[in-house]
Amino acid sequence: MNSARIRVVIVDDEPIARRGIRHLLAAHDDFEISGEARNGKEAVRLIGLLSPDLVFLDVQMPEIDGFAVLRRVPPERLPAVIFVTAYDTFAVRAFEAHALDYLVKPINEARFRDALTRARDRLRSNEALQLSRRLSVLLSNGNDLGPVQQPRVDPPRRLVIGAMGSDLIVDVAQISWIEADDYYAAVHAAGRRHLVRESLASLETRLDPFQFVRTHRAAIVNLSHVREIKSDASGESSLVLSDGTLLPLSRRRRRKVEAAMRRFAG
């Protein structure tokens, strides 16, 4: 690798996550985004077509996850990799020695800069080639970790979420509901509304599914804050929260929400 711009491919199934990496890279002129992939299949095709120097690769993707993507790329075309994940799990740590770096969502800007510095240094040395070869050998020698599983851990009592200009620490029990807000999410907790730099889908993976349920494509509710389910004459449903807030409840999700409420109450 010489002083030419570092060609990058971004792979993530969440548009907000791709947009976030794109935004962070915009401040670094020596990195050039060659393409973006929304899923594993697109990623394999783009890596083969574009031969990028570096790939930001989401670990958890449906159907073809990040590790499966790398197994499908010929060893001689394998780029340097920075893994991106919502979890700091053993699976990622096992690969840490075989990749340039890894980032945990939501991505911290200072941590991102550190990863880019590491990428610059290693891509301009023989170490990048050695890392790619070691990663390829690991993937082909039976060290198949299989599909990435979300870790089985106790639900967090507090969440650290990237808000506008700072990190927001929220007591999970105080969160009444969360709504999608364009490319962000709005967390309603203790009577306040906090706009955060994380998608609704990403937040959902970090919350206890026993307590937090998606009621609509744009809303997640804390069942402990639900007072009742209402239906109008047309058959449309809504949830009434303990503070009087009315939330839409989609028809296709009503049965699932009712079952979740019965489990939670029992």
C-alpha atoms as a PDB file:
ATOM      1  CA  MET A   1       0.000   0.000   0.000  1.00  0.00           C
ATOM      2  CA  ASN A   2       1.404   3.406  -0.997  1.00  0.00           C
ATOM      3  CA  SER A   3       0.249   6.942  -0.228  1.00  0.00           C
ATOM      4  CA  ALA A   4      -2.847   6.607  -2.443  1.00  0.00           C
ATOM      5  CA  ARG A   5      -6.260   6.965  -0.860  1.00  0.00           C
ATOM      6  CA  ILE A   6      -7.509   3.967   1.098  1.00  0.00           C
ATOM      7  CA  ARG A   7     -10.513   2.477  -0.699  1.00  0.00           C
ATOM      8  CA  VAL A   8     -13.296   1.456   1.678  1.00  0.00           C
ATOM      9  CA  VAL A   9     -16.442  -0.669   1.477  1.00  0.00           C
ATOM     10  CA  ILE A  10     -19.070  -0.319   4.221  1.00  0.00           C
ATOM     11  CA  VAL A  11     -21.203  -3.365   5.010  1.00  0.00           C
ATOM     12  CA  ASP A  12     -24.178  -3.113   7.383  1.00  0.00           C
ATOM     13  CA  ASP A  13     -27.852  -4.035   7.119  1.00  0.00           C
ATOM     14  CA  GLU A  14     -28.873  -0.872   9.004  1.00  0.00           C
ATOM     15  CA  PRO A  15     -28.998   2.338   6.886  1.00  0.00           C
ATOM     16  CA  ILE A  16     -28.311   4.505   9.948  1.00  0.00           C
ATOM     17  CA  ALA A  17     -25.165   2.517  10.728  1.00  0.00           C
ATOM     18  CA  ARG A  18     -23.846   2.906   7.162  1.00  0.00           C
ATOM     19  CA  ARG A  19     -24.673   6.590   7.260  1.00  0.00           C
ATOM     20  CA  GLY A  20     -22.836   6.967  10.573  1.00  0.00           C
ATOM     21  CA  ILE A  21     -19.626   5.423   9.226  1.00  0.00           C
ATOM     22  CA  ARG A  22     -19.954   7.489   6.050  1.00  0.00           C
ATOM     23  CA  HIS A  23     -20.279  10.645   8.137  1.00  0.00           C
ATOM     24  CA  LEU A  24     -17.275   9.787  10.314  1.00  0.00           C
ATOM     25  CA  LEU A  25     -15.127   8.975   7.276  1.00  0.00           C
ATOM     26  CA  ALA A  26     -15.989  12.318   5.621  1.00  0.00           C
ATOM     27  CA  ALA A  27     -13.523  14.080   7.937  1.00  0.00           C
ATOM     28  CA  HIS A  28     -10.617  11.954   6.665  1.00  0.00           C
ATOM     29  CA  ASP A  29      -9.528  12.837   3.124  1.00  0.00           C
ATOM     30  CA  ASP A  30      -7.214   9.859   2.725  1.00  0.00           C
ATOM     31  CA  PHE A  31     -10.163   7.432   2.858  1.00  0.00           C
ATOM     32  CA  GLU A  32     -12.413   6.965  -0.152  1.00  0.00           C
ATOM     33  CA  ILE A  33     -15.738   5.088   0.010  1.00  0.00           C
ATOM     34  CA  SER A  34     -15.878   2.770  -2.993  1.00  0.00           C
ATOM     35  CA  GLY A  35     -19.203   1.158  -2.175  1.00  0.00           C
ATOM     36  CA  GLU A  36     -21.783   0.115   0.400  1.00  0.00           C
ATOM     37  CA  ALA A  37     -23.560  -3.194   0.926  1.00  0.00           C
ATOM     38  CA  ARG A  38     -26.860  -3.779   2.724  1.00  0.00           C
ATOM     39  CA  ASN A  39     -26.367  -7.503   3.301  1.00  0.00           C
ATOM     40  CA  GLY A  40     -23.856 -10.330   3.110  1.00  0.00           C
ATOM     41  CA  LYS A  41     -24.655 -11.276  -0.464  1.00  0.00           C
ATOM     42  CA  GLU A  42     -24.047  -7.720  -1.687  1.00  0.00           C
ATOM     43  CA  ALA A  43     -20.861  -7.572   0.380  1.00  0.00           C
ATOM     44  CA  VAL A  44     -19.355 -10.652  -1.272  1.00  0.00           C
ATOM     45  CA  ARG A  45     -20.168  -9.258  -4.711  1.00  0.00           C
ATOM     46  CA  LEU A  46     -18.756  -5.778  -3.976  1.00  0.00           C
ATOM     47  CA  ILE A  47     -15.543  -7.058  -2.422  1.00  0.00           C
ATOM     48  CA  GLY A  48     -14.952  -9.235  -5.474  1.00  0.00           C
ATOM     49  CA  LEU A  49     -15.817  -6.419  -7.875  1.00  0.00           C
ATOM     50  CA  LEU A  50     -14.054  -3.483  -6.203  1.00  0.00           C
ATOM     51  CA  SER A  51     -11.105  -5.130  -4.402  1.00  0.00           C
ATOM     52  CA  PRO A  52     -11.184  -2.548  -1.572  1.00  0.00           C
ATOM     53  CA  ASP A  53      -8.258  -1.979   0.782  1.00  0.00           C
ATOM     54  CA  LEU A  54     -10.477  -1.925   3.871  1.00  0.00           C
ATOM     55  CA  VAL A  55     -13.952  -3.159   4.808  1.00  0.00           C
ATOM     56  CA  PHE A  56     -16.076  -2.015   7.730  1.00  0.00           C
ATOM     57  CA  LEU A  57     -17.989  -5.245   8.261  1.00  0.00           C
ATOM     58  CA  ASP A  58     -21.034  -5.688  10.462  1.00  0.00           C
ATOM     59  CA  VAL A  59     -20.900  -8.997  12.329  1.00  0.00           C
ATOM     60  CA  GLN A  60     -24.630  -9.517  12.952  1.00  0.00           C
ATOM     61  CA  MET A  61     -26.538  -9.628   9.659  1.00  0.00           C
ATOM     62  CA  PRO A  62     -29.466 -11.865   8.668  1.00  0.00           C
ATOM     63  CA  GLU A  63     -28.847 -14.900   6.425  1.00  0.00           C
ATOM     64  CA  ILE A  64     -25.154 -14.254   5.684  1.00  0.00           C
ATOM     65  CA  ASP A  65     -23.328 -12.800   8.691  1.00  0.00           C
ATOM     66  CA  GLY A  66     -19.975 -11.037   8.654  1.00  0.00           C
ATOM     67  CA  PHE A  67     -17.900 -14.165   9.218  1.00  0.00           C
ATOM     68  CA  ALA A  68     -19.770 -16.015   6.462  1.00  0.00           C
ATOM     69  CA  VAL A  69     -18.999 -13.123   4.103  1.00  0.00           C
ATOM     70  CA  LEU A  70     -15.272 -13.545   4.699  1.00  0.00           C
ATOM     71  CA  ARG A  71     -15.469 -17.284   4.147  1.00  0.00           C
ATOM     72  CA  ARG A  72     -16.935 -16.626   0.695  1.00  0.00           C
ATOM     73  CA  VAL A  73     -14.197 -14.228  -0.415  1.00  0.00           C
ATOM     74  CA  PRO A  74     -11.169 -15.871  -2.107  1.00  0.00           C
ATOM     75  CA  PRO A  75      -8.052 -15.548   0.099  1.00  0.00           C
ATOM     76  CA  GLU A  76      -6.178 -13.531  -2.506  1.00  0.00           C
ATOM     77  CA  ARG A  77      -8.995 -10.936  -2.580  1.00  0.00           C
ATOM     78  CA  LEU A  78      -9.529 -10.655   1.154  1.00  0.00           C
ATOM     79  CA  PRO A  79      -9.170  -7.001   2.259  1.00  0.00           C
ATOM     80  CA  ALA A  80      -8.219  -5.665   5.659  1.00  0.00           C
ATOM     81  CA  VAL A  81     -11.213  -5.823   7.988  1.00  0.00           C
ATOM     82  CA  ILE A  82     -12.590  -3.699  10.803  1.00  0.00           C
ATOM     83  CA  PHE A  83     -15.458  -5.556  12.437  1.00  0.00           C
ATOM     84  CA  VAL A  84     -18.485  -3.592  13.613  1.00  0.00           C
ATOM     85  CA  THR A  85     -20.850  -5.093  16.184  1.00  0.00           C
ATOM     86  CA  ALA A  86     -23.490  -4.230  18.748  1.00  0.00           C
ATOM     87  CA  TYR A  87     -21.776  -6.602  21.184  1.00  0.00           C
ATOM     88  CA  ASP A  88     -18.287  -6.854  22.619  1.00  0.00           C
ATOM     89  CA  THR A  89     -18.442 -10.668  22.573  1.00  0.00           C
ATOM     90  CA  PHE A  90     -16.007 -13.557  22.665  1.00  0.00           C
ATOM     91  CA  ALA A  91     -16.603 -14.157  18.965  1.00  0.00           C
ATOM     92  CA  VAL A  92     -15.256 -10.725  18.092  1.00  0.00           C
ATOM     93  CA  ARG A  93     -12.365 -11.016  20.543  1.00  0.00           C
ATOM     94  CA  ALA A  94     -11.375 -14.335  18.934  1.00  0.00           C
ATOM     95  CA  PHE A  95     -10.964 -12.488  15.659  1.00  0.00           C
ATOM     96  CA  GLU A  96      -9.289  -9.412  17.078  1.00  0.00           C
ATOM     97  CA  ALA A  97      -5.794 -10.754  16.424  1.00  0.00           C
ATOM     98  CA  HIS A  98      -6.749 -11.496  12.825  1.00  0.00           C
ATOM     99  CA  ALA A  99      -8.304  -8.154  11.887  1.00  0.00           C
ATOM    100  CA  LEU A 100      -7.122  -4.571  11.946  1.00  0.00           C
ATOM    101  CA  ASP A 101      -9.615  -3.607  14.629  1.00  0.00           C
ATOM    102  CA  TYR A 102     -13.218  -3.819  15.781  1.00  0.00           C
ATOM    103  CA  LEU A 103     -15.777  -1.195  16.783  1.00  0.00           C
ATOM    104  CA  VAL A 104     -18.769  -1.558  19.087  1.00  0.00           C
ATOM    105  CA  LYS A 105     -22.033   0.209  18.226  1.00  0.00           C
ATOM    106  CA  PRO A 106     -22.866   2.981  18.803  1.00  0.00           C
ATOM    107  CA  ILE A 107     -19.468   3.981  17.470  1.00  0.00           C
ATOM    108  CA  ASN A 108     -17.533   6.460  19.561  1.00  0.00           C
ATOM    109  CA  GLU A 109     -15.878   9.141  17.404  1.00  0.00           C
ATOM    110  CA  ALA A 110     -12.547   9.045  19.266  1.00  0.00           C
ATOM    111  CA  ARG A 111     -12.498   5.251  19.068  1.00  0.00           C
ATOM    112  CA  PHE A 112     -13.223   5.499  15.330  1.00  0.00           C
ATOM    113  CA  ARG A 113     -10.266   7.857  14.832  1.00  0.00           C
ATOM    114  CA  ASP A 114      -8.035   5.396  16.656  1.00  0.00           C
ATOM    115  CA  ALA A 115      -9.191   2.594  14.355  1.00  0.00           C
ATOM    116  CA  LEU A 116      -8.416   4.713  11.283  1.00  0.00           C
ATOM    117  CA  THR A 117      -4.952   5.505  12.606  1.00  0.00           C
ATOM    118  CA  ARG A 118      -4.329   1.821  13.119  1.00  0.00           C
ATOM    119  CA  ALA A 119      -5.639   1.112   9.625  1.00  0.00           C
ATOM    120  CA  ARG A 120      -3.344   3.701   8.037  1.00  0.00           C
ATOM    121  CA  ASP A 121      -0.286   2.346   9.804  1.00  0.00           C
ATOM    122  CA  ARG A 122      -0.944  -1.293   9.048  1.00  0.00           C
ATOM    123  CA  LEU A 123      -2.211  -0.901   5.496  1.00  0.00           C
ATOM    124  CA  ARG A 124       1.015   0.873   4.606  1.00  0.00           C
ATOM    125  CA  SER A 125       3.045  -2.055   5.877  1.00  0.00           C
ATOM    126  CA  ASN A 126       3.332  -5.738   5.132  1.00  0.00           C
ATOM    127  CA  GLU A 127       1.350  -6.483   8.261  1.00  0.00           C
ATOM    128  CA  ALA A 128      -1.964  -5.875   6.468  1.00  0.00           C
ATOM    129  CA  LEU A 129      -1.232  -8.674   4.012  1.00  0.00           C
ATOM    130  CA  GLN A 130      -0.173 -10.989   6.829  1.00  0.00           C
ATOM    131  CA  LEU A 131      -3.373 -10.251   8.771  1.00  0.00           C
ATOM    132  CA  SER A 132      -5.541 -11.015   5.757  1.00  0.00           C
ATOM    133  CA  ARG A 133      -3.721 -14.300   5.197  1.00  0.00           C
ATOM    134  CA  ARG A 134      -4.077 -15.289   8.867  1.00  0.00           C
ATOM    135  CA  LEU A 135      -7.784 -14.458   8.791  1.00  0.00           C
ATOM    136  CA  SER A 136      -8.230 -16.515   5.635  1.00  0.00           C
ATOM    137  CA  VAL A 137      -6.411 -19.489   7.169  1.00  0.00           C
ATOM    138  CA  LEU A 138      -8.504 -19.254  10.332  1.00  0.00           C
ATOM    139  CA  LEU A 139     -11.722 -19.276   8.321  1.00  0.00           C
ATOM    140  CA  SER A 140     -10.683 -22.205   6.135  1.00  0.00           C
ATOM    141  CA  ASN A 141      -9.066 -24.486   8.728  1.00  0.00           C
ATOM    142  CA  GLY A 142     -12.211 -25.617  10.480  1.00  0.00           C
ATOM    143  CA  ASN A 143     -12.224 -22.699  12.904  1.00  0.00           C
ATOM    144  CA  ASP A 144     -15.790 -21.964  11.906  1.00  0.00           C
ATOM    145  CA  LEU A 145     -17.564 -20.169  14.704  1.00  0.00           C
ATOM    146  CA  GLY A 146     -20.856 -20.723  12.919  1.00  0.00           C
ATOM    147  CA  PRO A 147     -23.632 -18.153  12.879  1.00  0.00           C
ATOM    148  CA  VAL A 148     -23.060 -15.296  15.260  1.00  0.00           C
ATOM    149  CA  GLN A 149     -25.169 -15.722  18.367  1.00  0.00           C
ATOM    150  CA  GLN A 150     -26.222 -12.851  20.564  1.00  0.00           C
ATOM    151  CA  PRO A 151     -24.660 -13.317  23.984  1.00  0.00           C
ATOM    152  CA  ARG A 152     -26.790 -14.698  26.793  1.00  0.00           C
ATOM    153  CA  VAL A 153     -26.383 -12.074  29.465  1.00  0.00           C
ATOM    154  CA  ASP A 154     -28.558 -10.546  32.153  1.00  0.00           C
ATOM    155  CA  PRO A 155     -30.467  -7.527  30.827  1.00  0.00           C
ATOM    156  CA  PRO A 156     -28.693  -4.264  31.640  1.00  0.00           C
ATOM    157  CA  ARG A 157     -30.154  -2.007  34.305  1.00  0.00           C
ATOM    158  CA  ARG A 158     -28.621   1.065  32.728  1.00  0.00           C
ATOM    159  CA  LEU A 159     -27.909   1.896  29.101  1.00  0.00           C
ATOM    160  CA  VAL A 160     -25.163   4.106  27.732  1.00  0.00           C
ATOM    161  CA  ILE A 161     -26.459   5.677  24.529  1.00  0.00           C
ATOM    162  CA  GLY A 162     -24.776   8.137  22.212  1.00  0.00           C
ATOM    163  CA  ALA A 163     -26.849  11.331  22.400  1.00  0.00           C
ATOM    164  CA  MET A 164     -26.331  14.681  20.693  1.00  0.00           C
ATOM    165  CA  GLY A 165     -22.865  15.807  21.785  1.00  0.00           C
ATOM    166  CA  SER A 166     -22.504  13.421  24.718  1.00  0.00           C
ATOM    167  CA  ASP A 167     -23.217   9.953  26.079  1.00  0.00           C
ATOM    168  CA  LEU A 168     -26.567   9.499  27.788  1.00  0.00           C
ATOM    169  CA  ILE A 169     -26.808   7.101  30.751  1.00  0.00           C
ATOM    170  CA  VAL A 170     -30.399   5.950  31.244  1.00  0.00           C
ATOM    171  CA  ASP A 171     -31.983   3.805  33.934  1.00  0.00           C
ATOM    172  CA  VAL A 172     -33.773   1.142  31.862  1.00  0.00           C
ATOM    173  CA  ALA A 173     -36.720   1.006  34.285  1.00  0.00           C
ATOM    174  CA  GLN A 174     -37.420   4.705  33.621  1.00  0.00           C
ATOM    175  CA  ILE A 175     -37.716   4.237  29.846  1.00  0.00           C
ATOM    176  CA  SER A 176     -41.437   4.251  28.986  1.00  0.00           C
ATOM    177  CA  TRP A 177     -41.107   4.021  25.211  1.00  0.00           C
ATOM    178  CA  ILE A 178     -38.770   4.693  22.283  1.00  0.00           C
ATOM    179  CA  GLU A 179     -39.710   6.071  18.886  1.00  0.00           C
ATOM    180  CA  ALA A 180     -37.939   6.221  15.541  1.00  0.00           C
ATOM    181  CA  ASP A 181     -37.050   9.781  14.554  1.00  0.00           C
ATOM    182  CA  ASP A 182     -35.700   9.973  11.004  1.00  0.00           C
ATOM    183  CA  TYR A 183     -32.171   8.504  11.222  1.00  0.00           C
ATOM    184  CA  TYR A 184     -32.159   8.629  15.011  1.00  0.00           C
ATOM    185  CA  ALA A 185     -34.309   7.438  17.917  1.00  0.00           C
ATOM    186  CA  ALA A 186     -36.051   9.330  20.702  1.00  0.00           C
ATOM    187  CA  VAL A 187     -35.954   7.762  24.169  1.00  0.00           C
ATOM    188  CA  HIS A 188     -38.788   8.787  26.495  1.00  0.00           C
ATOM    189  CA  ALA A 189     -37.614   8.367  30.084  1.00  0.00           C
ATOM    190  CA  ALA A 190     -38.695   9.996  33.364  1.00  0.00           C
ATOM    191  CA  GLY A 191     -40.838  12.548  31.525  1.00  0.00           C
ATOM    192  CA  ARG A 192     -38.065  13.675  29.184  1.00  0.00           C
ATOM    193  CA  ARG A 193     -37.388  13.025  25.496  1.00  0.00           C
ATOM    194  CA  HIS A 194     -33.769  12.297  24.505  1.00  0.00           C
ATOM    195  CA  LEU A 195     -32.716  12.221  20.842  1.00  0.00           C
ATOM    196  CA  VAL A 196     -29.955   9.625  20.422  1.00  0.00           C
ATOM    197  CA  ARG A 197     -27.562   8.564  17.655  1.00  0.00           C
ATOM    198  CA  GLU A 198     -28.771   4.979  17.415  1.00  0.00           C
ATOM    199  CA  SER A 199     -31.450   3.249  15.393  1.00  0.00           C
ATOM    200  CA  LEU A 200     -34.570   1.707  16.873  1.00  0.00           C
ATOM    201  CA  ALA A 201     -33.431  -1.730  15.655  1.00  0.00           C
ATOM    202  CA  SER A 202     -30.048  -1.363  17.349  1.00  0.00           C
ATOM    203  CA  LEU A 203     -31.596  -0.272  20.647  1.00  0.00           C
ATOM    204  CA  GLU A 204     -34.035  -3.182  20.491  1.00  0.00           C
ATOM    205  CA  THR A 205     -31.142  -5.664  20.497  1.00  0.00           C
ATOM    206  CA  ARG A 206     -29.810  -4.152  23.726  1.00  0.00           C
ATOM    207  CA  LEU A 207     -33.065  -4.246  25.674  1.00  0.00           C
ATOM    208  CA  ASP A 208     -34.693  -7.132  27.540  1.00  0.00           C
ATOM    209  CA  PRO A 209     -37.190  -8.706  25.066  1.00  0.00           C
ATOM    210  CA  PHE A 210     -39.259  -9.886  28.041  1.00  0.00           C
ATOM    211  CA  GLN A 211     -39.872  -6.256  29.035  1.00  0.00           C
ATOM    212  CA  PHE A 212     -39.541  -4.241  25.796  1.00  0.00           C
ATOM    213  CA  VAL A 213     -41.722  -5.043  22.789  1.00  0.00           C
ATOM    214  CA  ARG A 214     -42.004  -3.511  19.318  1.00  0.00           C
ATOM    215  CA  THR A 215     -45.586  -2.255  18.989  1.00  0.00           C
ATOM    216  CA  HIS A 216     -45.203  -0.585  15.637  1.00  0.00           C
ATOM    217  CA  ARG A 217     -42.448  -0.298  13.043  1.00  0.00           C
ATOM    218  CA  ALA A 218     -41.580   3.043  14.649  1.00  0.00           C
ATOM    219  CA  ALA A 219     -42.084   2.339  18.363  1.00  0.00           C
ATOM    220  CA  ILE A 220     -40.869   0.118  21.231  1.00  0.00           C
ATOM    221  CA  VAL A 221     -42.690   0.104  24.574  1.00  0.00           C
ATOM    222  CA  ASN A 222     -41.687  -0.838  28.114  1.00  0.00           C
ATOM    223  CA  LEU A 223     -44.476  -3.214  29.213  1.00  0.00           C
ATOM    224  CA  SER A 224     -44.174  -2.073  32.820  1.00  0.00           C
ATOM    225  CA  HIS A 225     -45.457   1.342  31.685  1.00  0.00           C
ATOM    226  CA  VAL A 226     -48.509   0.026  29.787  1.00  0.00           C
ATOM    227  CA  ARG A 227     -51.884   0.683  31.463  1.00  0.00           C
ATOM    228  CA  GLU A 228     -54.274  -0.746  28.871  1.00  0.00           C
ATOM    229  CA  ILE A 229     -54.936  -1.639  25.244  1.00  0.00           C
ATOM    230  CA  LYS A 230     -57.691   0.365  23.562  1.00  0.00           C
ATOM    231  CA  SER A 231     -59.603  -0.339  20.347  1.00  0.00           C
ATOM    232  CA  ASP A 232     -61.782   2.078  18.415  1.00  0.00           C
ATOM    233  CA  ALA A 233     -64.855   1.404  16.261  1.00  0.00           C
ATOM    234  CA  SER A 234     -62.735   0.873  13.156  1.00  0.00           C
ATOM    235  CA  GLY A 235     -60.689  -1.851  14.839  1.00  0.00           C
ATOM    236  CA  GLU A 236     -57.530   0.247  15.219  1.00  0.00           C
ATOM    237  CA  SER A 237     -55.652  -0.369  18.467  1.00  0.00           C
ATOM    238  CA  SER A 238     -53.455   1.742  20.706  1.00  0.00           C
ATOM    239  CA  LEU A 239     -51.629   1.400  24.002  1.00  0.00           C
ATOM    240  CA  VAL A 240     -52.280   3.718  26.910  1.00  0.00           C
ATOM    241  CA  LEU A 241     -49.205   4.294  29.063  1.00  0.00           C
ATOM    242  CA  SER A 242     -49.222   5.113  32.746  1.00  0.00           C
ATOM    243  CA  ASP A 243     -48.601   8.820  31.982  1.00  0.00           C
ATOM    244  CA  GLY A 244     -51.522   8.917  29.520  1.00  0.00           C
ATOM    245  CA  THR A 245     -49.442   8.677  26.353  1.00  0.00           C
ATOM    246  CA  LEU A 246     -51.233   6.934  23.470  1.00  0.00           C
ATOM    247  CA  LEU A 247     -49.081   4.731  21.229  1.00  0.00           C
ATOM    248  CA  PRO A 248     -50.202   3.091  17.977  1.00  0.00           C
ATOM    249  CA  LEU A 249     -50.394  -0.698  18.025  1.00  0.00           C
ATOM    250  CA  SER A 250     -50.241  -2.244  14.569  1.00  0.00           C
ATOM    251  CA  ARG A 251     -52.762  -4.959  13.769  1.00  0.00           C
ATOM    252  CA  ARG A 252     -50.128  -7.504  12.873  1.00  0.00           C
ATOM    253  CA  ARG A 253     -48.300  -6.938  16.195  1.00  0.00           C
ATOM    254  CA  ARG A 254     -51.327  -6.851  18.518  1.00  0.00           C
ATOM    255  CA  ARG A 255     -51.423 -10.593  19.225  1.00  0.00           C
ATOM    256  CA  LYS A 256     -47.699 -10.687  19.970  1.00  0.00           C
ATOM    257  CA  VAL A 257     -47.951  -7.670  22.284  1.00  0.00           C
ATOM    258  CA  GLU A 258     -50.921  -9.159  24.147  1.00  0.00           C
ATOM    259  CA  ALA A 259     -49.015 -12.425  24.663  1.00  0.00           C
ATOM    260  CA  ALA A 260     -45.964 -10.490  25.878  1.00  0.00           C
ATOM    261  CA  MET A 261     -48.105  -8.539  28.341  1.00  0.00           C
ATOM    262  CA  ARG A 262     -49.575 -11.758  29.753  1.00  0.00           C
ATOM    263  CA  ARG A 263     -46.077 -13.232  30.209  1.00  0.00           C
ATOM    264  CA  PHE A 264     -44.810 -10.040  31.803  1.00  0.00           C
ATOM    265  CA  ALA A 265     -47.778  -9.799  34.179  1.00  0.00           C
ATOM    266  CA  GLY A 266     -47.482 -13.502  35.142  1.00  0.00           C
END
